[in-house]
Protein backbone atom coordinates (compact mmCIF):
# COMPACT_ATOMS: atom_id res chain seq x y z
CA MET A 1 0.00 0.00 0.00
CA VAL A 2 1.27 3.41 -0.92
CA GLY A 3 0.85 6.32 1.47
CA THR A 4 0.69 4.54 4.82
CA GLY A 5 4.33 4.53 5.84
CA THR A 6 6.55 6.82 7.86
CA PRO A 7 6.14 10.00 5.72
CA SER A 8 2.37 9.97 6.17
CA LEU A 9 2.76 9.92 9.96
CA GLY A 10 4.17 13.45 9.78
CA LYS A 11 0.76 14.75 8.69
CA LYS A 12 -0.87 13.74 11.97
CA ASN A 13 0.20 16.87 13.88
CA ARG A 14 -2.90 18.95 13.07
CA ILE A 15 -5.82 19.54 15.41
CA THR A 16 -8.93 18.20 13.68
CA HIS A 17 -11.63 18.65 16.30
CA ILE A 18 -12.22 21.24 19.02
CA ARG A 19 -14.97 21.55 21.62
CA CYS A 20 -18.41 22.31 20.17
CA ARG A 21 -20.18 25.38 21.51
CA ARG A 22 -23.63 23.75 21.40
CA CYS A 23 -23.14 20.20 22.69
CA GLY A 24 -19.81 20.66 24.46
CA ARG A 25 -18.23 17.54 22.97
CA HIS A 26 -14.78 17.48 21.38
CA ALA A 27 -16.35 16.92 17.94
CA TYR A 28 -16.40 20.27 16.09
CA HIS A 29 -14.31 19.89 12.90
CA ILE A 30 -12.27 23.05 12.40
CA ARG A 31 -11.87 22.88 8.63
CA LYS A 32 -15.39 21.60 7.86
CA LYS A 33 -16.91 23.95 10.48
CA HIS A 34 -19.34 21.19 11.43
CA CYS A 35 -19.90 19.21 14.63
CA ALA A 36 -19.80 15.43 14.24
CA ASN A 37 -21.99 14.93 17.32
CA CYS A 38 -24.84 17.45 17.15
CA GLY A 39 -24.58 18.81 13.59
CA TYR A 40 -23.91 22.44 14.59
CA PRO A 41 -24.28 25.00 12.84
CA HIS A 42 -27.47 23.42 11.44
CA ALA A 43 -30.59 24.41 13.35
CA ARG A 44 -31.87 20.83 13.58
CA LEU A 45 -30.03 18.55 16.01
CA ARG A 46 -28.25 15.60 14.43
CA LYS A 47 -30.02 12.40 15.51
CA PHE A 48 -30.70 9.07 13.86
CA ARG A 49 -32.71 6.00 14.87
CA TRP A 50 -29.69 3.74 14.60
CA GLN A 51 -27.91 5.64 17.38
CA TRP A 52 -30.05 3.90 20.00
CA LYS A 53 -31.01 0.25 20.26
CA GLN A 54 -34.73 -0.23 19.60
CA PRO A 55 -36.71 -2.25 22.17
CA LEU A 56 -38.01 -5.64 21.11
CA THR A 57 -41.49 -4.98 22.53
CA LYS A 58 -42.72 -3.52 19.23
CA LEU A 59 -41.67 -6.63 17.33
CA ARG A 60 -43.26 -9.08 19.78
CA LYS A 61 -46.76 -7.56 19.69
CA LYS A 62 -49.36 -9.69 17.93
């Protein structure tokens, strides 16, 4: 594989994420200007159904 050796390790000295002002997690990407946790600066909070395990009670109902 090309690009995974010692020279590429020198590129790992940048700060990618800082603390988000909305959720407080260390997930705000500086260059993208986007939080990986809450989706800031979008008005709607980032949330998906697959983030939480769904209870089996809905599937068992007959």
